[in-house]
């Protein structure tokens, strides 16, 4: 059976002939584009049916690009034996396995669950597609994803229709799920402020302070405080609203601070 227009390599043995496509121009006869991470491809190119395929990456009537060794050109032959015991082997045909495109995805900063939609960046090369829980059109919405750790995927597809997917985690914190915890034992002043901020815990010592901007990005982390009063210099902070997460020995308190 000849399939479509093009040249073919034909082998004869007594009254047998075997046909395999000679060039990849005859696409309906050849295998589709094979990528280095594709599943096994079922070989159907040779005739008559019932013969044996052989070559690197071949098992039964399947070609496995991963078992073959990844990207490269691989020669596959076909042998058929008829009812009279006469055999013929085709000249080899080449299956080309295309390499995967390169791709990378930078790490994401933590984000608060009440932060607005975040335009995803950090995937290279440009032009890929972001996906994951809470992701739509290249934007991540923390409220949709919910509190917890979520996997963001970035997929790049090249001109051979081969794709590579890389991933990076993004953590959605509850830091801003409470707008402001009113607690008479915690005092922050002045608020708003331009330079210094004083935080006083009238009960338990302050252990640590995390400061998040309006997008949920961690701006500053202060640890090993162990005192009831601390001054925080916010001079270098950009103008805007910040969420202060203040941990004591017994609780976690949150206060919203305005930087003028």
Protein backbone atom coordinates (compact mmCIF):
# COMPACT_ATOMS: atom_id res chain seq x y z
CA UNK A 1 0.00 0.00 0.00
CA UNK A 2 1.53 3.32 -1.11
CA UNK A 3 0.33 6.33 0.85
CA UNK A 4 0.28 9.74 -0.79
CA UNK A 5 2.72 11.46 -3.10
CA UNK A 6 6.46 11.00 -2.62
CA UNK A 7 9.40 8.65 -3.04
CA UNK A 8 9.68 5.28 -1.29
CA UNK A 9 12.38 2.77 -0.47
CA UNK A 10 11.28 -0.67 -1.65
CA UNK A 11 12.98 -3.99 -0.84
CA UNK A 12 12.34 -7.26 -2.75
CA UNK A 13 12.86 -10.85 -1.69
CA UNK A 14 11.45 -13.48 -4.05
CA UNK A 15 7.79 -12.43 -4.44
CA UNK A 16 7.78 -10.09 -1.41
CA UNK A 17 8.05 -6.35 -1.40
CA UNK A 18 8.15 -4.02 1.56
CA UNK A 19 7.38 -0.34 1.51
CA UNK A 20 8.32 2.42 3.92
CA UNK A 21 8.18 6.15 3.17
CA UNK A 22 11.38 7.67 1.91
CA UNK A 23 11.01 11.27 2.94
CA UNK A 24 9.18 13.17 5.65
CA UNK A 25 7.43 15.30 3.00
CA UNK A 26 4.69 12.68 2.90
CA UNK A 27 3.25 13.60 6.30
CA UNK A 28 0.20 11.34 6.24
CA UNK A 29 2.47 8.36 5.85
CA UNK A 30 5.20 9.35 8.26
CA UNK A 31 4.83 9.63 12.00
CA UNK A 32 3.66 12.98 13.32
CA UNK A 33 6.14 15.36 14.90
CA UNK A 34 7.68 13.50 17.83
CA UNK A 35 8.96 15.38 20.85
CA UNK A 36 11.49 14.13 23.37
CA UNK A 37 8.83 13.84 26.11
CA UNK A 38 6.07 12.28 24.00
CA UNK A 39 4.40 9.02 24.89
CA UNK A 40 5.10 5.91 22.80
CA UNK A 41 4.20 6.26 19.14
CA UNK A 42 2.48 3.34 17.39
CA UNK A 43 4.31 2.45 14.17
CA UNK A 44 1.93 1.95 11.23
CA UNK A 45 4.02 3.13 8.27
CA UNK A 46 5.15 -0.22 6.79
CA UNK A 47 3.26 -2.78 4.74
CA UNK A 48 2.21 -5.51 4.52
CA UNK A 49 1.12 -5.57 8.16
CA UNK A 50 2.25 -8.27 10.55
CA UNK A 51 5.97 -7.72 10.26
CA UNK A 52 8.55 -6.78 12.87
CA UNK A 53 9.94 -3.29 13.45
CA UNK A 54 13.47 -2.89 14.79
CA UNK A 55 15.70 -0.06 15.85
CA UNK A 56 16.71 1.96 18.87
CA UNK A 57 13.65 2.80 20.98
CA UNK A 58 11.46 0.20 19.27
CA UNK A 59 9.45 -2.27 21.32
CA UNK A 60 6.90 -4.38 19.48
CA UNK A 61 5.06 -1.97 17.18
CA UNK A 62 5.83 1.13 19.24
CA UNK A 63 8.60 3.70 19.22
CA UNK A 64 9.48 5.25 22.57
CA UNK A 65 11.42 8.53 22.19
CA UNK A 66 12.45 8.49 25.85
CA UNK A 67 13.82 4.94 25.65
CA UNK A 68 15.54 5.82 22.38
CA UNK A 69 17.57 8.46 24.16
CA UNK A 70 15.73 11.71 23.57
CA UNK A 71 16.31 14.18 20.78
CA UNK A 72 17.96 12.84 17.63
CA UNK A 73 17.43 10.89 14.41
CA UNK A 74 16.70 7.17 14.70
CA UNK A 75 16.74 4.54 11.93
CA UNK A 76 13.87 2.05 11.97
CA UNK A 77 13.68 -1.06 9.78
CA UNK A 78 10.82 -3.44 9.03
CA UNK A 79 11.04 -7.19 8.39
CA UNK A 80 8.19 -9.33 7.06
CA UNK A 81 8.01 -13.12 6.57
CA UNK A 82 5.21 -14.60 4.46
CA UNK A 83 3.50 -17.97 4.72
CA UNK A 84 6.17 -19.57 2.55
CA UNK A 85 8.92 -18.55 4.96
CA UNK A 86 10.27 -15.94 2.57
CA UNK A 87 11.53 -12.80 4.34
CA UNK A 88 12.34 -9.26 3.31
CA UNK A 89 13.71 -6.31 5.25
CA UNK A 90 13.02 -2.71 4.30
CA UNK A 91 15.69 -0.10 3.91
CA UNK A 92 15.71 1.99 7.12
CA UNK A 93 13.54 5.05 7.46
CA UNK A 94 14.38 7.83 9.90
CA UNK A 95 12.25 9.04 12.78
CA UNK A 96 13.28 12.43 14.08
CA UNK A 97 12.76 13.26 17.76
CA UNK A 98 12.78 16.99 18.42
CA UNK A 99 14.36 18.47 21.54
CA UNK A 100 12.18 20.32 24.04
CA UNK A 101 12.35 24.10 24.27
CA UNK A 102 14.15 25.67 27.22
CA UNK A 103 11.97 27.23 29.94
CA UNK A 104 12.37 28.61 33.44
CA UNK A 105 10.16 30.17 36.10
CA UNK A 106 11.41 32.40 38.91
CA UNK A 107 10.30 31.98 42.52
CA UNK A 108 7.23 33.86 43.74
CA UNK A 109 6.99 35.94 46.91
CA UNK A 110 4.27 35.17 49.45
CA UNK A 111 1.02 37.03 48.97
CA UNK A 112 -1.89 37.85 51.26
CA UNK A 113 -5.27 36.29 50.55
CA UNK A 114 -6.94 39.70 50.40
CA UNK A 115 -4.43 41.15 47.94
CA UNK A 116 -5.68 42.06 44.50
CA UNK A 117 -5.00 40.07 41.31
CA UNK A 118 -1.30 39.59 40.62
CA UNK A 119 0.06 39.71 37.06
CA UNK A 120 2.36 36.71 36.82
CA UNK A 121 5.93 37.30 35.65
CA UNK A 122 9.21 35.42 35.80
CA UNK A 123 8.54 32.88 33.06
CA UNK A 124 11.12 32.74 30.28
CA UNK A 125 11.26 32.85 27.37
CA UNK A 126 8.35 35.24 26.92
CA UNK A 127 5.20 34.04 25.19
CA UNK A 128 4.49 31.02 27.37
CA UNK A 129 1.29 30.22 29.24
CA UNK A 130 0.71 30.33 33.00
CA UNK A 131 -1.71 27.90 34.62
CA UNK A 132 -2.74 26.67 38.05
CA UNK A 133 -5.35 27.17 40.73
CA UNK A 134 -6.47 30.80 40.78
CA UNK A 135 -4.77 31.56 37.43
CA UNK A 136 -6.64 33.04 34.48
CA UNK A 137 -5.17 34.93 31.55
CA UNK A 138 -1.75 35.26 33.15
CA UNK A 139 -3.18 36.67 36.39
CA UNK A 140 -3.21 35.00 39.81
CA UNK A 141 -6.08 35.84 42.17
CA UNK A 142 -5.18 34.83 45.75
CA UNK A 143 -8.79 34.94 46.99
CA UNK A 144 -9.76 32.42 44.28
CA UNK A 145 -6.83 30.11 45.07
CA UNK A 146 -7.33 30.34 48.85
CA UNK A 147 -4.89 30.19 51.73
CA UNK A 148 -2.10 27.64 51.28
CA UNK A 149 0.63 26.64 48.85
CA UNK A 150 -0.25 26.52 45.16
CA UNK A 151 1.69 25.32 42.12
CA UNK A 152 2.02 27.76 39.24
CA UNK A 153 2.99 26.21 35.91
CA UNK A 154 4.59 27.91 32.92
CA UNK A 155 4.46 26.15 29.55
CA UNK A 156 6.53 27.07 26.49
CA UNK A 157 5.73 25.61 23.06
CA UNK A 158 8.18 25.91 20.14
CA UNK A 159 7.79 25.83 16.38
CA UNK A 160 7.87 22.01 16.34
CA UNK A 161 4.86 21.96 18.69
CA UNK A 162 7.07 20.55 21.43
CA UNK A 163 6.35 21.84 24.94
CA UNK A 164 8.17 22.10 28.23
CA UNK A 165 6.42 22.93 31.53
CA UNK A 166 8.19 24.28 34.61
CA UNK A 167 6.64 25.04 37.99
CA UNK A 168 7.09 27.26 41.03
CA UNK A 169 5.11 27.48 44.28
CA UNK A 170 3.26 30.53 45.50
CA UNK A 171 2.14 30.79 49.12
CA UNK A 172 -1.10 32.58 49.98
CA UNK A 173 -1.00 33.78 53.60
CA UNK A 174 -3.85 34.76 55.84
CA UNK A 175 -1.89 37.88 56.82
CA UNK A 176 -4.49 40.27 55.55
CA UNK A 177 -7.58 38.13 56.01
CA UNK A 178 -8.31 40.23 59.10
CA UNK A 179 -8.18 43.93 58.21
CA UNK A 180 -7.02 44.92 61.66
CA UNK A 181 -7.04 43.18 65.01
CA UNK A 182 -8.17 45.53 67.72
CA UNK A 183 -6.28 44.72 70.88
CA UNK A 184 -5.94 47.11 73.76
CA UNK A 185 -2.61 45.53 74.77
CA UNK A 186 -0.97 46.52 71.47
CA UNK A 187 -0.22 50.13 70.60
CA UNK A 188 1.26 51.45 67.35
CA UNK A 189 2.06 55.14 66.89
CA UNK A 190 2.16 57.44 65.08
CA UNK A 191 -0.18 56.05 62.43
CA UNK A 192 -0.01 57.39 59.73
CA UNK A 193 3.74 57.99 59.80
CA UNK A 194 6.55 59.19 57.54
CA UNK A 195 9.66 57.96 59.36
CA UNK A 196 9.59 56.02 62.63
CA UNK A 197 6.94 53.75 64.05
CA UNK A 198 6.78 52.67 67.69
CA UNK A 199 5.15 49.36 68.60
CA UNK A 200 4.35 48.61 72.23
CA UNK A 201 2.93 45.38 73.65
CA UNK A 202 1.58 46.05 77.12
CA UNK A 203 1.39 42.36 78.00
CA UNK A 204 3.63 39.78 76.34
CA UNK A 205 7.01 40.51 74.73
CA UNK A 206 7.14 40.94 70.99
CA UNK A 207 8.94 38.02 69.34
CA UNK A 208 8.94 38.97 65.64
CA UNK A 209 7.40 41.34 63.10
CA UNK A 210 6.63 40.73 59.44
CA UNK A 211 5.65 43.67 57.24
CA UNK A 212 3.65 43.12 54.02
CA UNK A 213 2.71 45.65 51.37
CA UNK A 214 -0.75 45.87 49.78
CA UNK A 215 0.07 43.12 47.26
CA UNK A 216 1.10 40.70 50.00
CA UNK A 217 4.83 40.99 49.30
CA UNK A 218 7.03 40.61 52.36
CA UNK A 219 8.80 43.96 52.76
CA UNK A 220 10.68 43.39 56.02
CA UNK A 221 11.08 40.64 58.59
CA UNK A 222 12.36 41.42 62.10
CA UNK A 223 13.10 38.47 64.38
CA UNK A 224 14.55 37.75 67.82
CA UNK A 225 13.06 40.91 69.34
CA UNK A 226 12.00 39.65 72.80
CA UNK A 227 11.03 43.02 74.17
CA UNK A 228 7.77 44.88 74.79
CA UNK A 229 8.72 47.96 72.80
CA UNK A 230 10.42 48.43 69.45
CA UNK A 231 10.96 51.28 67.00
CA UNK A 232 10.68 50.47 63.30
CA UNK A 233 12.21 52.79 60.70
CA UNK A 234 9.85 53.02 57.72
CA UNK A 235 11.59 55.93 56.02
CA UNK A 236 12.57 53.81 53.01
CA UNK A 237 9.08 52.34 52.58
CA UNK A 238 7.12 53.55 49.59
CA UNK A 239 3.98 55.55 50.28
CA UNK A 240 1.04 53.24 50.85
CA UNK A 241 -0.69 50.83 53.21
CA UNK A 242 1.23 48.10 55.05
CA UNK A 243 0.09 45.15 57.11
CA UNK A 244 2.16 44.56 60.26
CA UNK A 245 2.02 40.98 61.55
CA UNK A 246 3.23 41.11 65.14
CA UNK A 247 3.93 37.87 66.99
CA UNK A 248 4.14 37.66 70.76
CA UNK A 249 4.69 34.64 72.98
CA UNK A 250 0.98 33.89 72.99
CA UNK A 251 -0.64 35.35 69.87
CA UNK A 252 -0.33 36.87 66.41
CA UNK A 253 -1.70 40.41 66.04
CA UNK A 254 -2.19 42.36 62.85
CA UNK A 255 -2.29 46.09 62.40
CA UNK A 256 -2.68 48.19 59.28
CA UNK A 257 -0.24 51.11 59.02
CA UNK A 258 -0.30 54.01 56.57
CA UNK A 259 3.04 55.33 55.30
CA UNK A 260 2.83 58.94 54.06
